[in-house]
Amino acid sequence: MQFSDTKRFALLIDADNAQAKSIDAVLTEAARYGDTTSRRCYGDWTSQQLAPWKAVLNRHAIQPIQQFSYTTGKNATDSALIIDAMDLLYTGKFHGFFLVSSDSDFTKLATRIRESGLEVIGIGRRKTPEPFRAACNKFIFTETIMEDDVSVSEINSVSDKPAISKISDSAADELKPSEQPQISKVTNPSHDESLKKLIKDAIESASEDDGWANLGGVGSYIPRVDSSFDPRNYGFSKLGKLITSLDYVRVEQRKMETGHQNIYVQFQSP
């Protein structure tokens, strides 16, 4: 990709509601989407509570924005971040924003930026209120992207379901669920009822008359319904690997007229 083709993002961090230890993972994740040409972190840097941030700001060329707490109980940091976000929005220089916080006060900001046609990616902890998560195009949990101390035995126990026999050996290798696990939450996804409903709705929305849906269509539907969905939340690096592990989904590889191989999925009713 040429540099001129790279999406430009503003990375705005609420130091009061983000973790300094997560910044390496945050920047690595942000690099997957484009170039963070503006990096700002907001807080009252006279407070000892923000001391852990001071070391990482210089290391990652993040500009600290000082905001004194004028009144107890009022968060002036939020206001400063919101004002700067709107100023940056009006420059027209960015394709989107990363909002790093677990604070629902940024819900309206995320909605306003999206109304302008820009992408909003939120990054915060699992406890982040649902309204803020839903207001973002995508919301990423820091627990998911940070390195997790999970033993090999736990990783291998996530799923023991073999690849569907209809899939070729090469496709099975690509979709094998235990291949590249980045696990933040060890569980059997087939037992997650909310995931089951989401996958069922996605397949039905993208399916053709025969009930089979292209995996690409399923992948496009899901984030429009659940912005915080990420296959890594279930221990899989890709949606295809997660889909293959589910007991209630049939998977089939089809050769298109162009010669390309497409993956199709079908929901299996109990």
Protein backbone atom coordinates (compact mmCIF):
# COMPACT_ATOMS: atom_id res chain seq x y z
CA MET A 1 0.00 0.00 0.00
CA GLN A 2 1.30 3.42 -0.90
CA PHE A 3 1.59 5.90 1.95
CA SER A 4 -0.90 8.16 0.18
CA ASP A 5 -3.44 5.32 0.26
CA THR A 6 -3.06 4.75 3.99
CA LYS A 7 -5.98 5.86 6.14
CA ARG A 8 -5.13 8.63 8.59
CA PHE A 9 -6.50 8.43 12.13
CA ALA A 10 -6.46 10.68 15.16
CA LEU A 11 -5.73 8.73 18.35
CA LEU A 12 -7.28 10.40 21.40
CA ILE A 13 -6.67 8.84 24.82
CA ASP A 14 -8.58 9.55 28.02
CA ALA A 15 -5.85 8.90 30.59
CA ASP A 16 -8.41 8.90 33.41
CA ASN A 17 -10.20 5.90 31.90
CA ALA A 18 -7.46 4.02 30.07
CA GLN A 19 -4.51 1.93 31.20
CA ALA A 20 -0.94 3.01 30.49
CA LYS A 21 0.14 -0.64 30.33
CA SER A 22 -2.20 -1.20 27.36
CA ILE A 23 -0.68 1.44 25.09
CA ASP A 24 1.71 -0.91 23.26
CA ALA A 25 -1.17 -3.20 22.35
CA VAL A 26 -3.37 -0.23 21.44
CA LEU A 27 -0.83 1.20 19.00
CA THR A 28 -0.17 -2.21 17.48
CA GLU A 29 -3.90 -2.69 16.94
CA ALA A 30 -4.31 0.83 15.52
CA ALA A 31 -1.56 0.15 12.97
CA ARG A 32 -3.78 -2.53 11.43
CA TYR A 33 -6.24 0.14 10.36
CA GLY A 34 -3.96 2.95 9.23
CA ASP A 35 -1.54 5.64 10.35
CA THR A 36 -2.19 7.52 13.61
CA THR A 37 -0.93 10.89 12.43
CA SER A 38 -2.19 12.66 15.55
CA ARG A 39 -1.69 11.12 18.99
CA ARG A 40 -2.95 12.93 22.07
CA CYS A 41 -3.46 11.89 25.67
CA TYR A 42 -5.62 13.95 28.04
CA GLY A 43 -5.36 14.26 31.80
CA ASP A 44 -4.21 16.27 34.76
CA TRP A 45 -0.49 15.51 34.66
CA THR A 46 0.04 17.09 38.08
CA SER A 47 -1.82 14.11 39.56
CA GLN A 48 0.23 11.18 40.83
CA GLN A 49 -2.47 8.82 39.58
CA LEU A 50 -1.26 9.44 36.02
CA ALA A 51 2.41 8.84 36.81
CA PRO A 52 2.51 5.49 34.90
CA TRP A 53 1.61 7.33 31.70
CA LYS A 54 4.62 9.64 31.68
CA ALA A 55 7.08 6.97 30.58
CA VAL A 56 4.99 5.67 27.68
CA LEU A 57 4.05 9.07 26.27
CA ASN A 58 7.58 9.99 25.21
CA ARG A 59 8.37 6.50 23.99
CA HIS A 60 5.44 6.52 21.57
CA ALA A 61 5.48 10.21 20.61
CA ILE A 62 2.09 10.83 22.21
CA GLN A 63 1.37 14.47 22.99
CA PRO A 64 0.20 15.01 26.59
CA ILE A 65 -2.62 17.54 26.86
CA GLN A 66 -2.80 19.17 30.30
CA GLN A 67 -6.25 19.68 31.75
CA PHE A 68 -6.59 20.76 35.37
CA SER A 69 -9.50 19.45 37.41
CA TYR A 70 -11.29 22.70 38.15
CA THR A 71 -14.02 21.25 40.36
CA THR A 72 -14.23 18.04 42.35
CA GLY A 73 -16.58 15.56 40.72
CA LYS A 74 -16.51 17.23 37.29
CA ASN A 75 -14.42 15.70 34.53
CA ALA A 76 -12.78 18.56 32.63
CA THR A 77 -10.61 16.03 30.77
CA ASP A 78 -13.63 14.74 28.85
CA SER A 79 -14.57 18.24 27.72
CA ALA A 80 -11.03 19.00 26.52
CA LEU A 81 -10.88 15.77 24.52
CA ILE A 82 -14.29 16.38 22.94
CA ILE A 83 -13.41 19.96 21.94
CA ASP A 84 -10.13 18.86 20.36
CA ALA A 85 -11.88 15.98 18.57
CA MET A 86 -14.30 18.41 16.92
CA ASP A 87 -11.46 20.74 15.95
CA LEU A 88 -9.62 17.82 14.32
CA LEU A 89 -12.82 16.66 12.64
CA TYR A 90 -13.28 20.03 10.96
CA THR A 91 -9.75 19.99 9.52
CA GLY A 92 -10.87 17.28 7.10
CA LYS A 93 -7.46 15.61 7.37
CA PHE A 94 -8.59 12.34 8.93
CA HIS A 95 -10.42 9.22 7.82
CA GLY A 96 -11.36 8.29 11.35
CA PHE A 97 -10.74 8.46 15.08
CA PHE A 98 -9.56 6.08 17.76
CA LEU A 99 -11.20 6.91 21.09
CA VAL A 100 -9.34 5.13 23.88
CA SER A 101 -11.56 5.16 26.94
CA SER A 102 -14.13 3.14 28.88
CA ASP A 103 -16.22 6.22 29.64
CA SER A 104 -19.77 6.39 28.28
CA ASP A 105 -19.53 10.21 28.22
CA PHE A 106 -17.97 9.87 24.76
CA THR A 107 -21.07 8.23 23.29
CA LYS A 108 -22.35 11.45 21.75
CA LEU A 109 -18.90 12.30 20.37
CA ALA A 110 -18.67 8.92 18.63
CA THR A 111 -22.14 9.40 17.18
CA ARG A 112 -21.30 12.90 15.92
CA ILE A 113 -18.11 11.77 14.21
CA ARG A 114 -19.92 8.91 12.50
CA GLU A 115 -22.59 11.32 11.27
CA SER A 116 -19.79 13.13 9.43
CA GLY A 117 -18.97 9.92 7.57
CA LEU A 118 -15.77 9.13 9.45
CA GLU A 119 -14.89 5.84 11.11
CA VAL A 120 -14.87 5.61 14.90
CA ILE A 121 -12.99 2.80 16.61
CA GLY A 122 -13.29 2.61 20.37
CA ILE A 123 -10.77 0.83 22.58
CA GLY A 124 -11.54 0.14 26.21
CA ARG A 125 -12.16 -2.47 28.86
CA ARG A 126 -14.95 -5.04 28.87
CA LYS A 127 -16.81 -3.02 31.47
CA THR A 128 -17.33 -0.18 28.97
CA PRO A 129 -21.06 0.69 28.89
CA GLU A 130 -22.95 -0.65 25.89
CA PRO A 131 -24.12 2.76 24.56
CA PHE A 132 -20.53 3.88 23.92
CA ARG A 133 -19.62 0.55 22.34
CA ALA A 134 -22.65 0.68 20.07
CA ALA A 135 -21.91 4.26 19.01
CA CYS A 136 -18.56 3.17 17.52
CA ASN A 137 -18.15 1.46 14.17
CA LYS A 138 -16.04 -1.05 16.04
CA PHE A 139 -15.14 -1.43 19.69
CA ILE A 140 -12.07 -3.40 20.76
CA PHE A 141 -11.51 -4.72 24.26
CA THR A 142 -8.07 -4.05 25.70
CA GLU A 143 -8.21 -7.41 27.45
CA THR A 144 -8.42 -9.03 24.01
CA ILE A 145 -5.47 -7.27 22.41
CA MET A 146 -3.13 -7.33 25.40
CA GLU A 147 -0.91 -10.34 25.78
CA ASP A 148 -2.56 -12.97 27.94
CA ASP A 149 -0.78 -15.60 30.03
CA VAL A 150 -2.65 -18.64 28.81
CA SER A 151 -1.09 -22.09 28.98
CA VAL A 152 -0.77 -24.29 25.91
CA SER A 153 -3.13 -26.82 27.44
CA GLU A 154 -5.83 -24.17 27.81
CA ILE A 155 -5.32 -23.04 24.25
CA ASN A 156 -5.64 -26.56 22.87
CA SER A 157 -8.77 -27.21 24.90
CA VAL A 158 -10.73 -24.34 23.36
CA SER A 159 -12.11 -26.56 20.62
CA ASP A 160 -11.47 -30.12 19.53
CA LYS A 161 -13.96 -30.10 16.67
CA PRO A 162 -12.33 -31.36 13.42
CA ALA A 163 -12.59 -29.46 10.16
CA ILE A 164 -15.66 -30.26 8.01
CA SER A 165 -14.89 -33.08 5.58
CA LYS A 166 -16.21 -31.10 2.62
CA ILE A 167 -13.41 -28.56 2.99
CA SER A 168 -10.15 -29.21 1.17
CA ASP A 169 -6.96 -29.81 3.18
CA SER A 170 -5.62 -26.33 2.41
CA ALA A 171 -8.84 -24.66 3.47
CA ALA A 172 -8.98 -26.75 6.63
CA ASP A 173 -5.47 -25.61 7.53
CA GLU A 174 -6.55 -22.01 7.05
CA LEU A 175 -9.61 -22.43 9.24
CA LYS A 176 -8.20 -24.72 11.92
CA PRO A 177 -9.29 -23.14 15.24
CA SER A 178 -6.23 -24.09 17.27
CA GLU A 179 -3.66 -22.73 14.83
CA GLN A 180 -3.03 -19.14 15.96
CA PRO A 181 -4.99 -18.54 19.13
CA GLN A 182 -4.73 -15.08 20.67
CA ILE A 183 -6.78 -15.92 23.70
CA SER A 184 -8.22 -13.44 26.12
CA LYS A 185 -11.15 -15.53 27.23
CA VAL A 186 -10.99 -19.34 27.31
CA THR A 187 -14.43 -20.81 26.67
CA ASN A 188 -16.34 -23.07 24.32
CA PRO A 189 -18.03 -20.63 21.93
CA SER A 190 -20.62 -23.21 20.91
CA HIS A 191 -22.17 -22.82 24.38
CA ASP A 192 -22.47 -19.04 24.13
CA GLU A 193 -26.14 -18.36 23.42
CA SER A 194 -25.65 -14.69 22.52
CA LEU A 195 -22.99 -15.65 19.98
CA LYS A 196 -25.28 -18.34 18.59
CA LYS A 197 -28.06 -15.83 17.99
CA LEU A 198 -25.65 -13.36 16.40
CA ILE A 199 -24.24 -15.98 14.02
CA LYS A 200 -27.73 -17.29 13.19
CA ASP A 201 -29.02 -13.80 12.37
CA ALA A 202 -25.91 -13.02 10.31
CA ILE A 203 -26.22 -16.20 8.25
CA GLU A 204 -29.94 -15.67 7.67
CA SER A 205 -29.33 -12.06 6.62
CA ALA A 206 -26.62 -12.98 4.13
CA SER A 207 -28.01 -16.34 2.97
CA GLU A 208 -29.26 -17.22 -0.47
CA ASP A 209 -32.37 -19.27 -1.28
CA ASP A 210 -30.64 -22.53 -0.30
CA GLY A 211 -29.81 -21.24 3.18
CA TRP A 212 -26.07 -21.00 2.51
CA ALA A 213 -24.30 -17.67 3.04
CA ASN A 214 -20.94 -16.43 1.85
CA LEU A 215 -18.60 -15.98 4.82
CA GLY A 216 -17.75 -12.50 3.59
CA GLY A 217 -21.39 -11.45 3.81
CA VAL A 218 -21.63 -12.85 7.33
CA GLY A 219 -18.51 -10.97 8.33
CA SER A 220 -19.92 -7.71 6.95
CA TYR A 221 -23.22 -8.09 8.83
CA ILE A 222 -21.87 -8.82 12.31
CA PRO A 223 -20.11 -5.50 13.14
CA ARG A 224 -23.20 -3.57 12.07
CA VAL A 225 -25.13 -5.35 14.83
CA ASP A 226 -22.42 -5.79 17.48
CA SER A 227 -19.53 -3.33 17.25
CA SER A 228 -17.61 -5.10 20.03
CA PHE A 229 -17.60 -8.48 18.26
CA ASP A 230 -14.12 -9.82 17.69
CA PRO A 231 -13.23 -13.49 17.06
CA ARG A 232 -10.24 -12.97 19.35
CA ASN A 233 -12.69 -12.55 22.24
CA TYR A 234 -13.37 -16.28 21.81
CA GLY A 235 -9.77 -17.35 21.25
CA PHE A 236 -9.60 -17.29 17.45
CA SER A 237 -7.57 -15.00 15.22
CA LYS A 238 -10.10 -14.99 12.36
CA LEU A 239 -13.85 -15.25 11.91
CA GLY A 240 -13.46 -18.33 9.68
CA LYS A 241 -11.66 -20.22 12.43
CA LEU A 242 -14.35 -19.33 14.95
CA ILE A 243 -17.13 -20.35 12.55
CA THR A 244 -15.49 -23.74 11.94
CA SER A 245 -15.43 -24.49 15.66
CA LEU A 246 -19.18 -23.99 16.13
CA ASP A 247 -21.28 -27.14 16.44
CA TYR A 248 -24.30 -25.54 14.81
CA VAL A 249 -22.65 -24.29 11.62
CA ARG A 250 -21.92 -26.28 8.46
CA VAL A 251 -18.98 -25.05 6.40
CA GLU A 252 -18.35 -25.69 2.72
CA GLN A 253 -15.74 -24.47 0.28
CA ARG A 254 -16.93 -23.71 -3.25
CA LYS A 255 -14.93 -23.03 -6.38
CA MET A 256 -16.17 -19.96 -8.25
CA GLU A 257 -16.17 -19.49 -12.03
CA THR A 258 -13.23 -17.15 -11.62
CA GLY A 259 -11.25 -19.99 -10.07
CA HIS A 260 -11.25 -18.49 -6.58
CA GLN A 261 -12.34 -20.52 -3.57
CA ASN A 262 -15.13 -19.05 -1.44
CA ILE A 263 -16.29 -20.31 1.92
CA TYR A 264 -20.03 -20.74 2.55
CA VAL A 265 -21.74 -21.42 5.86
CA GLN A 266 -25.18 -22.70 6.86
CA PHE A 267 -26.90 -22.61 10.25
CA GLN A 268 -27.98 -26.03 11.50
CA SER A 269 -31.13 -26.03 13.61
CA PRO A 270 -31.06 -28.41 16.59
